[in-house]
PDB file of N, CA and C in Angstrom:
ATOM      1  N   MET A   1      -4.338  -1.230  -0.273  1.00  0.00           N
ATOM      2  CA  MET A   1      -4.226  -2.429  -1.072  1.00  0.00           C
ATOM      3  C   MET A   1      -2.760  -2.846  -1.187  1.00  0.00           C
ATOM      4  N   ALA A   2      -1.862  -1.858  -1.308  1.00  0.00           N
ATOM      5  CA  ALA A   2      -0.438  -2.183  -1.429  1.00  0.00           C
ATOM      6  C   ALA A   2       0.067  -2.897  -0.177  1.00  0.00           C
ATOM      7  N   ALA A   3      -0.299  -2.380   0.978  1.00  0.00           N
ATOM      8  CA  ALA A   3       0.139  -3.000   2.224  1.00  0.00           C
ATOM      9  C   ALA A   3      -0.433  -4.410   2.369  1.00  0.00           C
ATOM     10  N   ALA A   4      -1.687  -4.581   2.000  1.00  0.00           N
ATOM     11  CA  ALA A   4      -2.311  -5.906   2.101  1.00  0.00           C
ATOM     12  C   ALA A   4      -1.639  -6.898   1.158  1.00  0.00           C
ATOM     13  N   PHE A   5      -1.356  -6.466  -0.078  1.00  0.00           N
ATOM     14  CA  PHE A   5      -0.643  -7.345  -1.008  1.00  0.00           C
ATOM     15  C   PHE A   5       0.757  -7.663  -0.503  1.00  0.00           C
ATOM     16  N   LEU A   6       1.463  -6.659  -0.006  1.00  0.00           N
ATOM     17  CA  LEU A   6       2.830  -6.883   0.465  1.00  0.00           C
ATOM     18  C   LEU A   6       2.856  -7.849   1.646  1.00  0.00           C
ATOM     19  N   THR A   7       1.935  -7.676   2.568  1.00  0.00           N
ATOM     20  CA  THR A   7       1.844  -8.594   3.705  1.00  0.00           C
ATOM     21  C   THR A   7       1.525 -10.006   3.229  1.00  0.00           C
ATOM     22  N   HIS A   8       0.549 -10.121   2.357  1.00  0.00           N
ATOM     23  CA  HIS A   8       0.100 -11.424   1.865  1.00  0.00           C
ATOM     24  C   HIS A   8       1.181 -12.122   1.041  1.00  0.00           C
ATOM     25  N   LEU A   9       1.744 -11.412   0.087  1.00  0.00           N
ATOM     26  CA  LEU A   9       2.694 -12.035  -0.839  1.00  0.00           C
ATOM     27  C   LEU A   9       4.075 -12.274  -0.230  1.00  0.00           C
ATOM     28  N   SER A  10       4.443 -11.492   0.779  1.00  0.00           N
ATOM     29  CA  SER A  10       5.743 -11.712   1.427  1.00  0.00           C
ATOM     30  C   SER A  10       5.672 -12.822   2.473  1.00  0.00           C
ATOM     31  N   GLU A  11       4.457 -13.284   2.750  1.00  0.00           N
ATOM     32  CA  GLU A  11       4.234 -14.365   3.715  1.00  0.00           C
ATOM     33  C   GLU A  11       4.898 -14.065   5.060  1.00  0.00           C
ATOM     34  N   GLY A  12       4.777 -12.791   5.481  1.00  0.00           N
ATOM     35  CA  GLY A  12       5.291 -12.392   6.787  1.00  0.00           C
ATOM     36  C   GLY A  12       6.782 -12.112   6.834  1.00  0.00           C
ATOM     37  N   ARG A  13       7.474 -12.189   5.714  1.00  0.00           N
ATOM     38  CA  ARG A  13       8.923 -11.967   5.713  1.00  0.00           C
ATOM     39  C   ARG A  13       9.290 -10.491   5.674  1.00  0.00           C
ATOM     40  N   ILE A  14       8.312  -9.625   5.456  1.00  0.00           N
ATOM     41  CA  ILE A  14       8.542  -8.184   5.448  1.00  0.00           C
ATOM     42  C   ILE A  14       7.565  -7.549   6.422  1.00  0.00           C
ATOM     43  N   GLU A  15       8.096  -6.676   7.287  1.00  0.00           N
ATOM     44  CA  GLU A  15       7.227  -5.930   8.194  1.00  0.00           C
ATOM     45  C   GLU A  15       6.614  -4.776   7.411  1.00  0.00           C
ATOM     46  N   VAL A  16       5.320  -4.699   7.418  1.00  0.00           N
ATOM     47  CA  VAL A  16       4.599  -3.715   6.609  1.00  0.00           C
ATOM     48  C   VAL A  16       3.862  -2.746   7.525  1.00  0.00           C
ATOM     49  N   ARG A  17       3.998  -1.476   7.214  1.00  0.00           N
ATOM     50  CA  ARG A  17       3.230  -0.442   7.897  1.00  0.00           C
ATOM     51  C   ARG A  17       2.397   0.258   6.828  1.00  0.00           C
ATOM     52  N   SER A  18       1.169   0.565   7.145  1.00  0.00           N
ATOM     53  CA  SER A  18       0.311   1.267   6.199  1.00  0.00           C
ATOM     54  C   SER A  18      -0.265   2.492   6.878  1.00  0.00           C
ATOM     55  N   ALA A  19      -0.133   3.636   6.203  1.00  0.00           N
ATOM     56  CA  ALA A  19      -0.664   4.878   6.759  1.00  0.00           C
ATOM     57  C   ALA A  19      -0.838   5.876   5.636  1.00  0.00           C
ATOM     58  N   GLY A  20      -1.601   6.893   5.916  1.00  0.00           N
ATOM     59  CA  GLY A  20      -1.825   7.920   4.913  1.00  0.00           C
ATOM     60  C   GLY A  20      -1.651   9.308   5.485  1.00  0.00           C
ATOM     61  N   SER A  21      -1.400  10.267   4.605  1.00  0.00           N
ATOM     62  CA  SER A  21      -1.232  11.649   5.048  1.00  0.00           C
ATOM     63  C   SER A  21      -2.581  12.285   5.406  1.00  0.00           C
ATOM     64  N   ALA A  22      -3.657  11.780   4.820  1.00  0.00           N
ATOM     65  CA  ALA A  22      -5.014  12.252   5.126  1.00  0.00           C
ATOM     66  C   ALA A  22      -5.948  11.047   5.051  1.00  0.00           C
ATOM     67  N   PRO A  23      -5.842  10.123   6.032  1.00  0.00           N
ATOM     68  CA  PRO A  23      -6.628   8.890   5.946  1.00  0.00           C
ATOM     69  C   PRO A  23      -8.130   9.130   6.085  1.00  0.00           C
ATOM     70  N   ALA A  24      -8.878   8.288   5.395  1.00  0.00           N
ATOM     71  CA  ALA A  24     -10.337   8.326   5.492  1.00  0.00           C
ATOM     72  C   ALA A  24     -10.770   7.739   6.836  1.00  0.00           C
ATOM     73  N   ASP A  25     -12.049   7.804   7.096  1.00  0.00           N
ATOM     74  CA  ASP A  25     -12.584   7.240   8.342  1.00  0.00           C
ATOM     75  C   ASP A  25     -12.641   5.719   8.300  1.00  0.00           C
ATOM     76  N   ALA A  26     -12.753   5.159   7.088  1.00  0.00           N
ATOM     77  CA  ALA A  26     -12.864   3.713   6.929  1.00  0.00           C
ATOM     78  C   ALA A  26     -12.194   3.309   5.627  1.00  0.00           C
ATOM     79  N   VAL A  27     -11.828   2.049   5.539  1.00  0.00           N
ATOM     80  CA  VAL A  27     -11.240   1.523   4.311  1.00  0.00           C
ATOM     81  C   VAL A  27     -12.338   1.467   3.247  1.00  0.00           C
ATOM     82  N   ASN A  28     -11.980   1.825   2.038  1.00  0.00           N
ATOM     83  CA  ASN A  28     -12.912   1.838   0.911  1.00  0.00           C
ATOM     84  C   ASN A  28     -13.528   0.445   0.729  1.00  0.00           C
ATOM     85  N   PRO A  29     -14.850   0.310   0.848  1.00  0.00           N
ATOM     86  CA  PRO A  29     -15.480  -1.001   0.702  1.00  0.00           C
ATOM     87  C   PRO A  29     -15.254  -1.629  -0.675  1.00  0.00           C
ATOM     88  N   ALA A  30     -15.137  -0.813  -1.718  1.00  0.00           N
ATOM     89  CA  ALA A  30     -14.865  -1.356  -3.056  1.00  0.00           C
ATOM     90  C   ALA A  30     -13.462  -1.948  -3.104  1.00  0.00           C
ATOM     91  N   ALA A  31     -12.507  -1.332  -2.405  1.00  0.00           N
ATOM     92  CA  ALA A  31     -11.149  -1.877  -2.339  1.00  0.00           C
ATOM     93  C   ALA A  31     -11.146  -3.192  -1.558  1.00  0.00           C
ATOM     94  N   VAL A  32     -11.893  -3.242  -0.467  1.00  0.00           N
ATOM     95  CA  VAL A  32     -12.005  -4.482   0.316  1.00  0.00           C
ATOM     96  C   VAL A  32     -12.576  -5.596  -0.554  1.00  0.00           C
ATOM     97  N   ALA A  33     -13.627  -5.279  -1.328  1.00  0.00           N
ATOM     98  CA  ALA A  33     -14.265  -6.276  -2.196  1.00  0.00           C
ATOM     99  C   ALA A  33     -13.315  -6.724  -3.304  1.00  0.00           C
ATOM    100  N   ALA A  34     -12.612  -5.777  -3.923  1.00  0.00           N
ATOM    101  CA  ALA A  34     -11.676  -6.117  -5.001  1.00  0.00           C
ATOM    102  C   ALA A  34     -10.532  -6.983  -4.479  1.00  0.00           C
ATOM    103  N   MET A  35     -10.051  -6.682  -3.296  1.00  0.00           N
ATOM    104  CA  MET A  35      -8.968  -7.480  -2.716  1.00  0.00           C
ATOM    105  C   MET A  35      -9.468  -8.876  -2.342  1.00  0.00           C
ATOM    106  N   ALA A  36     -10.697  -8.977  -1.863  1.00  0.00           N
ATOM    107  CA  ALA A  36     -11.274 -10.289  -1.541  1.00  0.00           C
ATOM    108  C   ALA A  36     -11.339 -11.149  -2.797  1.00  0.00           C
ATOM    109  N   GLU A  37     -11.651 -10.535  -3.936  1.00  0.00           N
ATOM    110  CA  GLU A  37     -11.663 -11.271  -5.194  1.00  0.00           C
ATOM    111  C   GLU A  37     -10.281 -11.840  -5.530  1.00  0.00           C
ATOM    112  N   ALA A  38      -9.235 -11.149  -5.072  1.00  0.00           N
ATOM    113  CA  ALA A  38      -7.858 -11.588  -5.316  1.00  0.00           C
ATOM    114  C   ALA A  38      -7.348 -12.511  -4.217  1.00  0.00           C
ATOM    115  N   GLY A  39      -8.226 -12.859  -3.269  1.00  0.00           N
ATOM    116  CA  GLY A  39      -7.850 -13.779  -2.200  1.00  0.00           C
ATOM    117  C   GLY A  39      -7.144 -13.132  -1.024  1.00  0.00           C
ATOM    118  N   VAL A  40      -7.275 -11.811  -0.885  1.00  0.00           N
ATOM    119  CA  VAL A  40      -6.633 -11.087   0.208  1.00  0.00           C
ATOM    120  C   VAL A  40      -7.712 -10.402   1.040  1.00  0.00           C
ATOM    121  N   ASP A  41      -7.777 -10.764   2.316  1.00  0.00           N
ATOM    122  CA  ASP A  41      -8.778 -10.194   3.221  1.00  0.00           C
ATOM    123  C   ASP A  41      -8.195  -8.979   3.927  1.00  0.00           C
ATOM    124  N   MET A  42      -8.747  -7.812   3.644  1.00  0.00           N
ATOM    125  CA  MET A  42      -8.320  -6.616   4.377  1.00  0.00           C
ATOM    126  C   MET A  42      -9.517  -5.949   5.054  1.00  0.00           C
ATOM    127  N   SER A  43     -10.535  -6.750   5.346  1.00  0.00           N
ATOM    128  CA  SER A  43     -11.762  -6.233   5.940  1.00  0.00           C
ATOM    129  C   SER A  43     -11.567  -5.714   7.363  1.00  0.00           C
ATOM    130  N   ALA A  44     -10.544  -6.179   8.058  1.00  0.00           N
ATOM    131  CA  ALA A  44     -10.316  -5.732   9.435  1.00  0.00           C
ATOM    132  C   ALA A  44      -9.382  -4.529   9.517  1.00  0.00           C
ATOM    133  N   GLU A  45      -8.886  -4.056   8.384  1.00  0.00           N
ATOM    134  CA  GLU A  45      -7.948  -2.925   8.386  1.00  0.00           C
ATOM    135  C   GLU A  45      -8.661  -1.616   8.697  1.00  0.00           C
ATOM    136  N   THR A  46      -7.919  -0.706   9.312  1.00  0.00           N
ATOM    137  CA  THR A  46      -8.438   0.628   9.592  1.00  0.00           C
ATOM    138  C   THR A  46      -7.409   1.657   9.124  1.00  0.00           C
ATOM    139  N   PRO A  47      -7.861   2.768   8.572  1.00  0.00           N
ATOM    140  CA  PRO A  47      -6.930   3.806   8.130  1.00  0.00           C
ATOM    141  C   PRO A  47      -6.160   4.401   9.317  1.00  0.00           C
ATOM    142  N   LYS A  48      -4.875   4.688   9.087  1.00  0.00           N
ATOM    143  CA  LYS A  48      -4.022   5.262  10.121  1.00  0.00           C
ATOM    144  C   LYS A  48      -3.296   6.473   9.539  1.00  0.00           C
ATOM    145  N   ILE A  49      -2.942   7.403  10.409  1.00  0.00           N
ATOM    146  CA  ILE A  49      -2.206   8.593   9.990  1.00  0.00           C
ATOM    147  C   ILE A  49      -0.725   8.249   9.866  1.00  0.00           C
ATOM    148  N   LEU A  50      -0.088   8.801   8.849  1.00  0.00           N
ATOM    149  CA  LEU A  50       1.337   8.603   8.641  1.00  0.00           C
ATOM    150  C   LEU A  50       2.109   9.417   9.673  1.00  0.00           C
ATOM    151  N   THR A  51       3.022   8.767  10.374  1.00  0.00           N
ATOM    152  CA  THR A  51       3.827   9.456  11.375  1.00  0.00           C
ATOM    153  C   THR A  51       5.290   9.493  10.937  1.00  0.00           C
ATOM    154  N   THR A  52       6.020  10.453  11.451  1.00  0.00           N
ATOM    155  CA  THR A  52       7.445  10.512  11.143  1.00  0.00           C
ATOM    156  C   THR A  52       8.158   9.290  11.691  1.00  0.00           C
ATOM    157  N   GLU A  53       7.687   8.771  12.818  1.00  0.00           N
ATOM    158  CA  GLU A  53       8.303   7.581  13.408  1.00  0.00           C
ATOM    159  C   GLU A  53       8.187   6.373  12.487  1.00  0.00           C
ATOM    160  N   ALA A  54       7.038   6.230  11.832  1.00  0.00           N
ATOM    161  CA  ALA A  54       6.847   5.105  10.916  1.00  0.00           C
ATOM    162  C   ALA A  54       7.790   5.219   9.721  1.00  0.00           C
ATOM    163  N   VAL A  55       7.962   6.429   9.217  1.00  0.00           N
ATOM    164  CA  VAL A  55       8.868   6.626   8.089  1.00  0.00           C
ATOM    165  C   VAL A  55      10.312   6.371   8.519  1.00  0.00           C
ATOM    166  N   GLN A  56      10.686   6.876   9.677  1.00  0.00           N
ATOM    167  CA  GLN A  56      12.049   6.678  10.173  1.00  0.00           C
ATOM    168  C   GLN A  56      12.370   5.205  10.381  1.00  0.00           C
ATOM    169  N   ALA A  57      11.392   4.407  10.748  1.00  0.00           N
ATOM    170  CA  ALA A  57      11.608   2.985  11.022  1.00  0.00           C
ATOM    171  C   ALA A  57      11.564   2.127   9.765  1.00  0.00           C
ATOM    172  N   SER A  58      11.297   2.732   8.616  1.00  0.00           N
ATOM    173  CA  SER A  58      11.127   1.984   7.373  1.00  0.00           C
ATOM    174  C   SER A  58      12.380   2.041   6.506  1.00  0.00           C
ATOM    175  N   ASP A  59      12.593   0.983   5.745  1.00  0.00           N
ATOM    176  CA  ASP A  59      13.678   0.957   4.763  1.00  0.00           C
ATOM    177  C   ASP A  59      13.195   1.471   3.410  1.00  0.00           C
ATOM    178  N   VAL A  60      11.960   1.113   3.056  1.00  0.00           N
ATOM    179  CA  VAL A  60      11.355   1.532   1.793  1.00  0.00           C
ATOM    180  C   VAL A  60      10.030   2.205   2.134  1.00  0.00           C
ATOM    181  N   VAL A  61       9.812   3.371   1.549  1.00  0.00           N
ATOM    182  CA  VAL A  61       8.578   4.115   1.769  1.00  0.00           C
ATOM    183  C   VAL A  61       7.892   4.279   0.420  1.00  0.00           C
ATOM    184  N   ILE A  62       6.692   3.730   0.314  1.00  0.00           N
ATOM    185  CA  ILE A  62       5.914   3.863  -0.912  1.00  0.00           C
ATOM    186  C   ILE A  62       4.856   4.923  -0.672  1.00  0.00           C
ATOM    187  N   THR A  63       4.885   5.957  -1.501  1.00  0.00           N
ATOM    188  CA  THR A  63       3.880   7.007  -1.401  1.00  0.00           C
ATOM    189  C   THR A  63       3.018   6.970  -2.659  1.00  0.00           C
ATOM    190  N   MET A  64       1.832   7.493  -2.503  1.00  0.00           N
ATOM    191  CA  MET A  64       0.898   7.538  -3.629  1.00  0.00           C
ATOM    192  C   MET A  64       0.296   8.924  -3.692  1.00  0.00           C
ATOM    193  N   GLY A  65       1.159   9.872  -4.015  1.00  0.00           N
ATOM    194  CA  GLY A  65       0.691  11.229  -4.232  1.00  0.00           C
ATOM    195  C   GLY A  65       0.526  12.085  -2.996  1.00  0.00           C
ATOM    196  N   CYS A  66       1.303  11.848  -1.946  1.00  0.00           N
ATOM    197  CA  CYS A  66       1.133  12.696  -0.756  1.00  0.00           C
ATOM    198  C   CYS A  66       1.968  13.962  -0.833  1.00  0.00           C
ATOM    199  N   GLY A  67       2.828  14.074  -1.828  1.00  0.00           N
ATOM    200  CA  GLY A  67       3.568  15.315  -2.057  1.00  0.00           C
ATOM    201  C   GLY A  67       4.380  15.770  -0.870  1.00  0.00           C
ATOM    202  N   ASP A  68       4.280  17.054  -0.557  1.00  0.00           N
ATOM    203  CA  ASP A  68       5.089  17.647   0.510  1.00  0.00           C
ATOM    204  C   ASP A  68       4.641  17.253   1.911  1.00  0.00           C
ATOM    205  N   THR A  69       3.484  16.614   2.046  1.00  0.00           N
ATOM    206  CA  THR A  69       3.003  16.260   3.383  1.00  0.00           C
ATOM    207  C   THR A  69       3.696  15.022   3.941  1.00  0.00           C
ATOM    208  N   CYS A  70       4.393  14.270   3.100  1.00  0.00           N
ATOM    209  CA  CYS A  70       5.100  13.075   3.571  1.00  0.00           C
ATOM    210  C   CYS A  70       6.485  13.445   4.068  1.00  0.00           C
ATOM    211  N   PRO A  71       6.843  12.969   5.263  1.00  0.00           N
ATOM    212  CA  PRO A  71       8.186  13.247   5.763  1.00  0.00           C
ATOM    213  C   PRO A  71       9.247  12.529   4.927  1.00  0.00           C
ATOM    214  N   VAL A  72      10.365  13.207   4.714  1.00  0.00           N
ATOM    215  CA  VAL A  72      11.460  12.641   3.923  1.00  0.00           C
ATOM    216  C   VAL A  72      12.720  12.649   4.778  1.00  0.00           C
ATOM    217  N   PHE A  73      13.389  11.497   4.826  1.00  0.00           N
ATOM    218  CA  PHE A  73      14.614  11.360   5.598  1.00  0.00           C
ATOM    219  C   PHE A  73      15.713  10.801   4.719  1.00  0.00           C
ATOM    220  N   PRO A  74      16.929  11.321   4.855  1.00  0.00           N
ATOM    221  CA  PRO A  74      18.055  10.795   4.072  1.00  0.00           C
ATOM    222  C   PRO A  74      18.268   9.313   4.364  1.00  0.00           C
ATOM    223  N   GLY A  75      18.675   8.595   3.338  1.00  0.00           N
ATOM    224  CA  GLY A  75      18.987   7.174   3.504  1.00  0.00           C
ATOM    225  C   GLY A  75      17.805   6.238   3.317  1.00  0.00           C
ATOM    226  N   LYS A  76      16.615   6.776   3.175  1.00  0.00           N
ATOM    227  CA  LYS A  76      15.436   5.946   2.944  1.00  0.00           C
ATOM    228  C   LYS A  76      15.199   5.824   1.439  1.00  0.00           C
ATOM    229  N   ARG A  77      14.669   4.722   1.037  1.00  0.00           N
ATOM    230  CA  ARG A  77      14.300   4.548  -0.369  1.00  0.00           C
ATOM    231  C   ARG A  77      12.834   4.928  -0.526  1.00  0.00           C
ATOM    232  N   TYR A  78      12.558   5.870  -1.412  1.00  0.00           N
ATOM    233  CA  TYR A  78      11.198   6.341  -1.643  1.00  0.00           C
ATOM    234  C   TYR A  78      10.744   5.933  -3.035  1.00  0.00           C
ATOM    235  N   LEU A  79       9.545   5.406  -3.114  1.00  0.00           N
ATOM    236  CA  LEU A  79       8.890   5.087  -4.380  1.00  0.00           C
ATOM    237  C   LEU A  79       7.568   5.838  -4.390  1.00  0.00           C
ATOM    238  N   ASP A  80       7.379   6.724  -5.341  1.00  0.00           N
ATOM    239  CA  ASP A  80       6.113   7.442  -5.446  1.00  0.00           C
ATOM    240  C   ASP A  80       5.341   6.851  -6.621  1.00  0.00           C
ATOM    241  N   TRP A  81       4.304   6.107  -6.291  1.00  0.00           N
ATOM    242  CA  TRP A  81       3.513   5.424  -7.310  1.00  0.00           C
ATOM    243  C   TRP A  81       2.341   6.298  -7.710  1.00  0.00           C
ATOM    244  N   LYS A  82       2.309   6.690  -8.966  1.00  0.00           N
ATOM    245  CA  LYS A  82       1.203   7.473  -9.515  1.00  0.00           C
ATOM    246  C   LYS A  82       0.114   6.495  -9.959  1.00  0.00           C
ATOM    247  N   LEU A  83      -0.959   6.474  -9.214  1.00  0.00           N
ATOM    248  CA  LEU A  83      -2.080   5.573  -9.497  1.00  0.00           C
ATOM    249  C   LEU A  83      -3.386   6.351  -9.397  1.00  0.00           C
ATOM    250  N   ASP A  84      -4.404   5.855 -10.063  1.00  0.00           N
ATOM    251  CA  ASP A  84      -5.730   6.434  -9.894  1.00  0.00           C
ATOM    252  C   ASP A  84      -6.170   6.228  -8.449  1.00  0.00           C
ATOM    253  N   ASP A  85      -6.908   7.181  -7.922  1.00  0.00           N
ATOM    254  CA  ASP A  85      -7.402   7.101  -6.549  1.00  0.00           C
ATOM    255  C   ASP A  85      -8.695   6.284  -6.535  1.00  0.00           C
ATOM    256  N   PRO A  86      -8.734   5.197  -5.748  1.00  0.00           N
ATOM    257  CA  PRO A  86      -9.950   4.382  -5.697  1.00  0.00           C
ATOM    258  C   PRO A  86     -11.061   4.978  -4.838  1.00  0.00           C
ATOM    259  N   ALA A  87     -10.792   6.069  -4.148  1.00  0.00           N
ATOM    260  CA  ALA A  87     -11.795   6.671  -3.264  1.00  0.00           C
ATOM    261  C   ALA A  87     -13.058   7.017  -4.042  1.00  0.00           C
ATOM    262  N   GLY A  88     -14.185   6.570  -3.523  1.00  0.00           N
ATOM    263  CA  GLY A  88     -15.468   6.876  -4.132  1.00  0.00           C
ATOM    264  C   GLY A  88     -15.787   6.095  -5.391  1.00  0.00           C
ATOM    265  N   GLN A  89     -14.926   5.175  -5.770  1.00  0.00           N
ATOM    266  CA  GLN A  89     -15.118   4.388  -6.986  1.00  0.00           C
ATOM    267  C   GLN A  89     -15.761   3.042  -6.642  1.00  0.00           C
ATOM    268  N   GLY A  90     -16.444   2.478  -7.590  1.00  0.00           N
ATOM    269  CA  GLY A  90     -17.012   1.143  -7.432  1.00  0.00           C
ATOM    270  C   GLY A  90     -15.963   0.081  -7.702  1.00  0.00           C
ATOM    271  N   VAL A  91     -16.316  -1.162  -7.421  1.00  0.00           N
ATOM    272  CA  VAL A  91     -15.371  -2.267  -7.556  1.00  0.00           C
ATOM    273  C   VAL A  91     -14.873  -2.424  -8.997  1.00  0.00           C
ATOM    274  N   GLU A  92     -15.721  -2.117  -9.977  1.00  0.00           N
ATOM    275  CA  GLU A  92     -15.302  -2.208 -11.385  1.00  0.00           C
ATOM    276  C   GLU A  92     -14.112  -1.289 -11.666  1.00  0.00           C
ATOM    277  N   ALA A  93     -14.140  -0.085 -11.118  1.00  0.00           N
ATOM    278  CA  ALA A  93     -13.048   0.877 -11.322  1.00  0.00           C
ATOM    279  C   ALA A  93     -11.836   0.543 -10.470  1.00  0.00           C
ATOM    280  N   VAL A  94     -12.048  -0.127  -9.347  1.00  0.00           N
ATOM    281  CA  VAL A  94     -10.947  -0.443  -8.434  1.00  0.00           C
ATOM    282  C   VAL A  94     -10.128  -1.634  -8.930  1.00  0.00           C
ATOM    283  N   ARG A  95     -10.740  -2.547  -9.653  1.00  0.00           N
ATOM    284  CA  ARG A  95     -10.011  -3.752 -10.112  1.00  0.00           C
ATOM    285  C   ARG A  95      -8.730  -3.434 -10.880  1.00  0.00           C
ATOM    286  N   PRO A  96      -8.742  -2.541 -11.880  1.00  0.00           N
ATOM    287  CA  PRO A  96      -7.486  -2.263 -12.580  1.00  0.00           C
ATOM    288  C   PRO A  96      -6.437  -1.597 -11.684  1.00  0.00           C
ATOM    289  N   ILE A  97      -6.877  -0.800 -10.714  1.00  0.00           N
ATOM    290  CA  ILE A  97      -5.945  -0.193  -9.756  1.00  0.00           C
ATOM    291  C   ILE A  97      -5.328  -1.294  -8.907  1.00  0.00           C
ATOM    292  N   ARG A  98      -6.168  -2.198  -8.424  1.00  0.00           N
ATOM    293  CA  ARG A  98      -5.697  -3.344  -7.640  1.00  0.00           C
ATOM    294  C   ARG A  98      -4.666  -4.147  -8.429  1.00  0.00           C
ATOM    295  N   ASP A  99      -4.962  -4.417  -9.685  1.00  0.00           N
ATOM    296  CA  ASP A  99      -4.063  -5.230 -10.504  1.00  0.00           C
ATOM    297  C   ASP A  99      -2.719  -4.542 -10.729  1.00  0.00           C
ATOM    298  N   GLU A 100      -2.739  -3.230 -10.921  1.00  0.00           N
ATOM    299  CA  GLU A 100      -1.487  -2.478 -11.083  1.00  0.00           C
ATOM    300  C   GLU A 100      -0.677  -2.494  -9.791  1.00  0.00           C
ATOM    301  N   ILE A 101      -1.346  -2.335  -8.663  1.00  0.00           N
ATOM    302  CA  ILE A 101      -0.658  -2.389  -7.369  1.00  0.00           C
ATOM    303  C   ILE A 101      -0.040  -3.767  -7.162  1.00  0.00           C
ATOM    304  N   GLU A 102      -0.781  -4.814  -7.472  1.00  0.00           N
ATOM    305  CA  GLU A 102      -0.236  -6.165  -7.310  1.00  0.00           C
ATOM    306  C   GLU A 102       1.009  -6.347  -8.178  1.00  0.00           C
ATOM    307  N   HIS A 103       0.970  -5.887  -9.409  1.00  0.00           N
ATOM    308  CA  HIS A 103       2.121  -5.987 -10.309  1.00  0.00           C
ATOM    309  C   HIS A 103       3.338  -5.272  -9.703  1.00  0.00           C
ATOM    310  N   ARG A 104       3.134  -4.064  -9.204  1.00  0.00           N
ATOM    311  CA  ARG A 104       4.242  -3.299  -8.615  1.00  0.00           C
ATOM    312  C   ARG A 104       4.772  -3.961  -7.347  1.00  0.00           C
ATOM    313  N   ILE A 105       3.885  -4.503  -6.539  1.00  0.00           N
ATOM    314  CA  ILE A 105       4.314  -5.194  -5.314  1.00  0.00           C
ATOM    315  C   ILE A 105       5.125  -6.444  -5.672  1.00  0.00           C
ATOM    316  N   ARG A 106       4.690  -7.192  -6.656  1.00  0.00           N
ATOM    317  CA  ARG A 106       5.453  -8.383  -7.077  1.00  0.00           C
ATOM    318  C   ARG A 106       6.847  -7.993  -7.583  1.00  0.00           C
ATOM    319  N   ASP A 107       6.950  -6.896  -8.329  1.00  0.00           N
ATOM    320  CA  ASP A 107       8.259  -6.413  -8.783  1.00  0.00           C
ATOM    321  C   ASP A 107       9.130  -6.006  -7.602  1.00  0.00           C
ATOM    322  N   LEU A 108       8.543  -5.312  -6.634  1.00  0.00           N
ATOM    323  CA  LEU A 108       9.284  -4.902  -5.442  1.00  0.00           C
ATOM    324  C   LEU A 108       9.758  -6.111  -4.650  1.00  0.00           C
ATOM    325  N   LEU A 109       8.897  -7.096  -4.511  1.00  0.00           N
ATOM    326  CA  LEU A 109       9.291  -8.314  -3.791  1.00  0.00           C
ATOM    327  C   LEU A 109      10.431  -9.045  -4.478  1.00  0.00           C
ATOM    328  N   ALA A 110      10.456  -9.025  -5.799  1.00  0.00           N
ATOM    329  CA  ALA A 110      11.555  -9.661  -6.533  1.00  0.00           C
ATOM    330  C   ALA A 110      12.883  -8.989  -6.200  1.00  0.00           C
ATOM    331  N   GLU A 111      12.855  -7.687  -5.905  1.00  0.00           N
ATOM    332  CA  GLU A 111      14.065  -6.978  -5.495  1.00  0.00           C
ATOM    333  C   GLU A 111      14.404  -7.237  -4.031  1.00  0.00           C
ATOM    334  N   LEU A 112      13.390  -7.164  -3.164  1.00  0.00           N
ATOM    335  CA  LEU A 112      13.629  -7.280  -1.724  1.00  0.00           C
ATOM    336  C   LEU A 112      13.902  -8.718  -1.268  1.00  0.00           C
ATOM    337  N   LEU A 113      13.262  -9.664  -1.923  1.00  0.00           N
ATOM    338  CA  LEU A 113      13.404 -11.079  -1.564  1.00  0.00           C
ATOM    339  C   LEU A 113      13.788 -11.873  -2.810  1.00  0.00           C
ATOM    340  N   PRO A 114      15.000 -11.672  -3.329  1.00  0.00           N
ATOM    341  CA  PRO A 114      15.369 -12.319  -4.596  1.00  0.00           C
ATOM    342  C   PRO A 114      15.383 -13.841  -4.548  1.00  0.00           C
ATOM    343  N   GLU A 115      15.445 -14.417  -3.368  1.00  0.00           N
ATOM    344  CA  GLU A 115      15.482 -15.886  -3.269  1.00  0.00           C
ATOM    345  C   GLU A 115      14.115 -16.524  -3.439  1.00  0.00           C
ATOM    346  N   ARG A 116      13.072 -15.703  -3.555  1.00  0.00           N
ATOM    347  CA  ARG A 116      11.704 -16.235  -3.698  1.00  0.00           C
ATOM    348  C   ARG A 116      11.575 -17.045  -4.953  1.00  0.00           C
TER     349      ARG A 116
END
């Protein structure tokens, strides 16, 4: 959801990579539905494994509880967002998670793209 919001709200001005340390086989359908309610289509997304190359190529790395499994490199900015896990939850439970992610993404965009 964070990557979808960042892509959508930055209007293509930020290159976004999305990956996980232990990705599921498919994107959570409740997350897809909750994002559709917010006007963001992520129905074509597929989970990807986090690679060291992706982290090395990034300026800001947002993690959500991957702990020691996430590669760490000097000079990168890391944000570890503690959020409830939407896995296995219905859309009712995912909505507040979605809203918190959107709030954090908007704050991040205000820092990264101050001219917005």
